[in-house]
Amino acid sequence: MALAAAQAAAEKKARDIVLIDMRGIVVYTDYMVVCTGSTARQTKAISDEIRRVLKEDHKISARRVEGEREAEWILMDYLDIVVHIFTPTARDFYRLDRLWGEAPQQVLEPSAL
């Protein structure tokens, strides 16, 4: 499911896609997917595509989505995975992938998805 979300993000030209394995570190999720859109408009398009793919292909809906109005940082909570979609400025400011530096991380190249 995390790879499906990452692939959906890549379809909408998300950059710097990172899959973070949170198992054994936190109890509230198994994976985080972190990616960047160039603009707030693109982050919204990325979140729309992830929502569509996970609903149509995996029959799941997000339990909660936050930040879509401003679209600087959109958080999509699917319980087993949490997706974070940032604009470049927000991602640089929050540095979420560095915050969880002890967790195994995989940088996903769009061509490999």
N, C-alpha and C. Protein backbone atom coordinates (compact mmCIF):
# COMPACT_ATOMS: atom_id res chain seq x y z
N MET A 1 0.82 -1.18 0.00
CA MET A 1 0.00 0.00 0.00
C MET A 1 0.87 1.27 0.00
N ALA A 2 1.97 1.25 0.75
CA ALA A 2 2.88 2.40 0.77
C ALA A 2 3.50 2.61 -0.61
N LEU A 3 3.87 1.51 -1.26
CA LEU A 3 4.43 1.62 -2.62
C LEU A 3 3.38 2.12 -3.60
N ALA A 4 2.13 1.72 -3.42
CA ALA A 4 1.05 2.21 -4.29
C ALA A 4 0.87 3.72 -4.11
N ALA A 5 0.95 4.20 -2.89
CA ALA A 5 0.86 5.64 -2.63
C ALA A 5 2.04 6.37 -3.26
N ALA A 6 3.23 5.80 -3.12
CA ALA A 6 4.43 6.41 -3.71
C ALA A 6 4.33 6.45 -5.23
N GLN A 7 3.83 5.38 -5.82
CA GLN A 7 3.68 5.34 -7.28
C GLN A 7 2.65 6.36 -7.74
N ALA A 8 1.56 6.50 -7.01
CA ALA A 8 0.55 7.50 -7.36
C ALA A 8 1.14 8.90 -7.28
N ALA A 9 1.97 9.14 -6.27
CA ALA A 9 2.64 10.45 -6.15
C ALA A 9 3.57 10.69 -7.34
N ALA A 10 4.29 9.65 -7.71
CA ALA A 10 5.21 9.77 -8.86
C ALA A 10 4.45 10.07 -10.14
N GLU A 11 3.27 9.51 -10.28
CA GLU A 11 2.44 9.76 -11.47
C GLU A 11 2.11 11.24 -11.62
N LYS A 12 2.03 11.94 -10.51
CA LYS A 12 1.74 13.37 -10.53
C LYS A 12 3.01 14.20 -10.37
N LYS A 13 4.14 13.58 -10.69
CA LYS A 13 5.45 14.25 -10.73
C LYS A 13 5.96 14.72 -9.37
N ALA A 14 5.62 13.99 -8.30
CA ALA A 14 6.20 14.29 -6.99
C ALA A 14 7.70 14.04 -7.06
N ARG A 15 8.44 14.78 -6.26
CA ARG A 15 9.90 14.63 -6.22
C ARG A 15 10.32 14.14 -4.84
N ASP A 16 11.54 13.68 -4.77
CA ASP A 16 12.15 13.29 -3.49
C ASP A 16 11.24 12.39 -2.67
N ILE A 17 10.78 11.30 -3.27
CA ILE A 17 9.87 10.38 -2.60
C ILE A 17 10.69 9.45 -1.71
N VAL A 18 10.33 9.44 -0.41
CA VAL A 18 11.04 8.62 0.57
C VAL A 18 10.02 7.74 1.29
N LEU A 19 10.34 6.47 1.40
CA LEU A 19 9.53 5.51 2.15
C LEU A 19 10.27 5.24 3.46
N ILE A 20 9.61 5.51 4.59
CA ILE A 20 10.22 5.34 5.90
C ILE A 20 9.52 4.18 6.61
N ASP A 21 10.30 3.20 7.02
CA ASP A 21 9.78 2.02 7.70
C ASP A 21 9.69 2.33 9.20
N MET A 22 8.48 2.51 9.69
CA MET A 22 8.25 2.91 11.07
C MET A 22 7.97 1.73 12.00
N ARG A 23 7.93 0.52 11.44
CA ARG A 23 7.65 -0.66 12.27
C ARG A 23 8.74 -0.80 13.33
N GLY A 24 8.34 -1.07 14.53
CA GLY A 24 9.31 -1.21 15.61
C GLY A 24 9.74 0.10 16.24
N ILE A 25 9.30 1.22 15.68
CA ILE A 25 9.67 2.53 16.22
C ILE A 25 8.46 3.23 16.85
N VAL A 26 7.33 3.16 16.15
CA VAL A 26 6.08 3.74 16.65
C VAL A 26 4.97 2.71 16.51
N VAL A 27 3.90 2.91 17.24
CA VAL A 27 2.79 1.94 17.19
C VAL A 27 1.63 2.42 16.31
N TYR A 28 1.65 3.67 15.88
CA TYR A 28 0.50 4.21 15.17
C TYR A 28 0.53 4.04 13.66
N THR A 29 1.64 3.60 13.09
CA THR A 29 1.71 3.36 11.65
C THR A 29 2.87 2.44 11.32
N ASP A 30 2.81 1.81 10.16
CA ASP A 30 3.91 0.95 9.71
C ASP A 30 4.89 1.70 8.81
N TYR A 31 4.36 2.55 7.94
CA TYR A 31 5.20 3.27 6.98
C TYR A 31 4.77 4.72 6.86
N MET A 32 5.73 5.56 6.55
CA MET A 32 5.46 6.93 6.14
C MET A 32 5.98 7.09 4.72
N VAL A 33 5.21 7.79 3.93
CA VAL A 33 5.64 8.17 2.59
C VAL A 33 5.76 9.69 2.63
N VAL A 34 6.94 10.20 2.27
CA VAL A 34 7.19 11.64 2.27
C VAL A 34 7.57 12.03 0.85
N CYS A 35 6.93 13.08 0.34
CA CYS A 35 7.27 13.54 -1.02
C CYS A 35 7.05 15.04 -1.12
N THR A 36 7.50 15.59 -2.24
CA THR A 36 7.44 17.03 -2.47
C THR A 36 6.76 17.33 -3.79
N GLY A 37 5.88 18.32 -3.75
CA GLY A 37 5.30 18.89 -4.96
C GLY A 37 5.87 20.28 -5.15
N SER A 38 5.96 20.74 -6.37
CA SER A 38 6.58 22.04 -6.64
C SER A 38 5.79 23.22 -6.09
N THR A 39 4.46 23.09 -6.08
CA THR A 39 3.58 24.18 -5.65
C THR A 39 2.45 23.60 -4.81
N ALA A 40 1.71 24.48 -4.16
CA ALA A 40 0.54 24.03 -3.39
C ALA A 40 -0.47 23.35 -4.32
N ARG A 41 -0.60 23.86 -5.51
CA ARG A 41 -1.53 23.24 -6.47
C ARG A 41 -1.10 21.81 -6.82
N GLN A 42 0.19 21.60 -6.97
CA GLN A 42 0.67 20.26 -7.28
C GLN A 42 0.53 19.32 -6.07
N THR A 43 0.77 19.82 -4.86
CA THR A 43 0.60 18.95 -3.70
C THR A 43 -0.84 18.47 -3.60
N LYS A 44 -1.78 19.35 -3.93
CA LYS A 44 -3.20 18.97 -3.93
C LYS A 44 -3.47 17.90 -4.99
N ALA A 45 -2.89 18.07 -6.18
CA ALA A 45 -3.07 17.07 -7.25
C ALA A 45 -2.47 15.72 -6.83
N ILE A 46 -1.34 15.75 -6.15
CA ILE A 46 -0.71 14.51 -5.67
C ILE A 46 -1.63 13.83 -4.66
N SER A 47 -2.16 14.59 -3.71
CA SER A 47 -3.05 13.99 -2.71
C SER A 47 -4.32 13.43 -3.35
N ASP A 48 -4.85 14.13 -4.33
CA ASP A 48 -6.04 13.63 -5.03
C ASP A 48 -5.76 12.30 -5.73
N GLU A 49 -4.60 12.19 -6.34
CA GLU A 49 -4.24 10.95 -7.04
C GLU A 49 -4.01 9.80 -6.06
N ILE A 50 -3.35 10.06 -4.96
CA ILE A 50 -3.15 9.02 -3.96
C ILE A 50 -4.50 8.54 -3.43
N ARG A 51 -5.37 9.48 -3.13
CA ARG A 51 -6.72 9.14 -2.63
C ARG A 51 -7.46 8.27 -3.64
N ARG A 52 -7.39 8.65 -4.91
CA ARG A 52 -8.09 7.91 -5.96
C ARG A 52 -7.54 6.49 -6.10
N VAL A 53 -6.23 6.37 -6.18
CA VAL A 53 -5.60 5.06 -6.38
C VAL A 53 -5.86 4.12 -5.20
N LEU A 54 -5.69 4.62 -3.99
CA LEU A 54 -5.89 3.74 -2.83
C LEU A 54 -7.36 3.35 -2.68
N LYS A 55 -8.26 4.24 -3.04
CA LYS A 55 -9.68 3.90 -2.94
C LYS A 55 -10.10 2.91 -4.03
N GLU A 56 -9.70 3.18 -5.28
CA GLU A 56 -10.12 2.33 -6.40
C GLU A 56 -9.39 0.98 -6.42
N ASP A 57 -8.10 0.99 -6.18
CA ASP A 57 -7.31 -0.23 -6.31
C ASP A 57 -7.20 -1.05 -5.02
N HIS A 58 -7.27 -0.37 -3.88
CA HIS A 58 -7.05 -1.06 -2.60
C HIS A 58 -8.27 -1.00 -1.68
N LYS A 59 -9.30 -0.29 -2.13
CA LYS A 59 -10.57 -0.21 -1.39
C LYS A 59 -10.41 0.36 0.02
N ILE A 60 -9.51 1.31 0.17
CA ILE A 60 -9.35 1.97 1.46
C ILE A 60 -9.44 3.49 1.29
N SER A 61 -9.94 4.11 2.32
CA SER A 61 -10.03 5.57 2.36
C SER A 61 -9.22 6.08 3.54
N ALA A 62 -8.74 7.29 3.41
CA ALA A 62 -7.98 7.90 4.50
C ALA A 62 -8.89 8.09 5.70
N ARG A 63 -8.36 7.81 6.88
CA ARG A 63 -9.11 8.05 8.11
C ARG A 63 -9.18 9.55 8.39
N ARG A 64 -8.13 10.25 7.97
CA ARG A 64 -8.07 11.68 8.19
C ARG A 64 -7.13 12.31 7.18
N VAL A 65 -7.50 13.47 6.70
CA VAL A 65 -6.64 14.25 5.81
C VAL A 65 -6.61 15.67 6.36
N GLU A 66 -5.42 16.21 6.50
CA GLU A 66 -5.26 17.57 7.01
C GLU A 66 -4.38 18.37 6.07
N GLY A 67 -4.63 19.67 6.03
CA GLY A 67 -3.77 20.59 5.30
C GLY A 67 -4.11 20.81 3.84
N GLU A 68 -5.22 20.26 3.37
CA GLU A 68 -5.55 20.42 1.94
C GLU A 68 -5.90 21.85 1.57
N ARG A 69 -6.44 22.59 2.49
CA ARG A 69 -6.83 23.97 2.16
C ARG A 69 -5.62 24.82 1.81
N GLU A 70 -4.60 24.79 2.66
CA GLU A 70 -3.39 25.58 2.40
C GLU A 70 -2.47 24.85 1.44
N ALA A 71 -2.44 23.52 1.54
CA ALA A 71 -1.68 22.63 0.66
C ALA A 71 -0.17 22.84 0.71
N GLU A 72 0.33 23.38 1.80
CA GLU A 72 1.77 23.49 2.00
C GLU A 72 2.32 22.17 2.55
N TRP A 73 1.50 21.53 3.40
CA TRP A 73 1.83 20.23 3.99
C TRP A 73 0.52 19.48 4.12
N ILE A 74 0.34 18.48 3.31
CA ILE A 74 -0.87 17.65 3.37
C ILE A 74 -0.51 16.34 4.04
N LEU A 75 -1.26 15.99 5.07
CA LEU A 75 -1.07 14.75 5.80
C LEU A 75 -2.27 13.85 5.53
N MET A 76 -2.00 12.64 5.06
CA MET A 76 -3.06 11.66 4.78
C MET A 76 -2.81 10.44 5.67
N ASP A 77 -3.75 10.18 6.58
CA ASP A 77 -3.59 9.08 7.53
C ASP A 77 -4.44 7.89 7.10
N TYR A 78 -3.77 6.82 6.69
CA TYR A 78 -4.42 5.57 6.31
C TYR A 78 -4.18 4.48 7.35
N LEU A 79 -3.81 4.87 8.56
CA LEU A 79 -3.48 3.99 9.68
C LEU A 79 -2.19 3.22 9.43
N ASP A 80 -2.19 2.24 8.52
CA ASP A 80 -0.97 1.48 8.25
C ASP A 80 0.11 2.32 7.57
N ILE A 81 -0.32 3.33 6.83
CA ILE A 81 0.63 4.27 6.23
C ILE A 81 0.15 5.69 6.49
N VAL A 82 1.10 6.59 6.60
CA VAL A 82 0.82 8.02 6.69
C VAL A 82 1.61 8.69 5.57
N VAL A 83 0.91 9.48 4.77
CA VAL A 83 1.54 10.16 3.64
C VAL A 83 1.67 11.64 3.97
N HIS A 84 2.87 12.18 3.73
CA HIS A 84 3.15 13.60 3.94
C HIS A 84 3.55 14.17 2.59
N ILE A 85 2.82 15.17 2.14
CA ILE A 85 3.11 15.82 0.86
C ILE A 85 3.42 17.28 1.16
N PHE A 86 4.63 17.70 0.84
CA PHE A 86 5.11 19.04 1.17
C PHE A 86 5.37 19.87 -0.07
N THR A 87 5.30 21.19 0.09
CA THR A 87 5.92 22.09 -0.87
C THR A 87 7.41 22.12 -0.50
N PRO A 88 8.29 22.57 -1.39
CA PRO A 88 9.72 22.58 -1.06
C PRO A 88 10.05 23.38 0.21
N THR A 89 9.44 24.52 0.40
CA THR A 89 9.71 25.34 1.58
C THR A 89 9.29 24.63 2.86
N ALA A 90 8.12 24.03 2.86
CA ALA A 90 7.63 23.33 4.05
C ALA A 90 8.49 22.10 4.35
N ARG A 91 8.89 21.37 3.32
CA ARG A 91 9.70 20.18 3.55
C ARG A 91 11.06 20.55 4.14
N ASP A 92 11.64 21.62 3.63
CA ASP A 92 12.92 22.07 4.15
C ASP A 92 12.79 22.54 5.60
N PHE A 93 11.68 23.16 5.92
CA PHE A 93 11.46 23.67 7.27
C PHE A 93 11.26 22.53 8.27
N TYR A 94 10.39 21.56 7.95
CA TYR A 94 10.04 20.50 8.90
C TYR A 94 11.04 19.34 8.91
N ARG A 95 11.71 19.08 7.80
CA ARG A 95 12.74 18.04 7.72
C ARG A 95 12.31 16.73 8.35
N LEU A 96 11.12 16.28 7.98
CA LEU A 96 10.52 15.09 8.58
C LEU A 96 11.37 13.84 8.39
N ASP A 97 11.98 13.68 7.21
CA ASP A 97 12.79 12.48 6.99
C ASP A 97 14.02 12.48 7.89
N ARG A 98 14.53 13.65 8.25
CA ARG A 98 15.66 13.72 9.17
C ARG A 98 15.22 13.49 10.60
N LEU A 99 14.00 13.91 10.93
CA LEU A 99 13.47 13.70 12.27
C LEU A 99 13.43 12.21 12.60
N TRP A 100 13.10 11.39 11.61
CA TRP A 100 13.04 9.94 11.79
C TRP A 100 14.28 9.29 11.19
N GLY A 101 15.43 9.89 11.39
CA GLY A 101 16.68 9.40 10.82
C GLY A 101 17.08 8.00 11.24
N GLU A 102 16.62 7.55 12.42
CA GLU A 102 16.97 6.20 12.87
C GLU A 102 16.13 5.12 12.18
N ALA A 103 15.05 5.51 11.54
CA ALA A 103 14.19 4.54 10.85
C ALA A 103 14.79 4.19 9.49
N PRO A 104 14.65 2.94 9.07
CA PRO A 104 15.12 2.57 7.72
C PRO A 104 14.37 3.38 6.66
N GLN A 105 15.12 3.95 5.74
CA GLN A 105 14.51 4.80 4.70
C GLN A 105 14.96 4.33 3.33
N GLN A 106 14.05 4.45 2.40
CA GLN A 106 14.33 4.10 1.02
C GLN A 106 13.92 5.26 0.13
N VAL A 107 14.87 5.83 -0.59
CA VAL A 107 14.56 6.86 -1.55
C VAL A 107 14.08 6.17 -2.81
N LEU A 108 12.91 6.55 -3.27
CA LEU A 108 12.31 5.89 -4.42
C LEU A 108 12.46 6.77 -5.66
N GLU A 109 13.10 6.21 -6.65
CA GLU A 109 13.24 6.91 -7.92
C GLU A 109 11.98 6.69 -8.75
N PRO A 110 11.40 7.75 -9.28
CA PRO A 110 10.17 7.59 -10.05
C PRO A 110 10.28 6.56 -11.19
N SER A 111 11.44 6.46 -11.78
CA SER A 111 11.62 5.50 -12.87
C SER A 111 11.56 4.05 -12.38
N ALA A 112 11.84 3.83 -11.08
CA ALA A 112 11.80 2.48 -10.52
C ALA A 112 10.41 2.06 -10.07
N LEU A 113 9.49 3.02 -10.03
CA LEU A 113 8.12 2.71 -9.57
C LEU A 113 7.34 2.28 -10.74
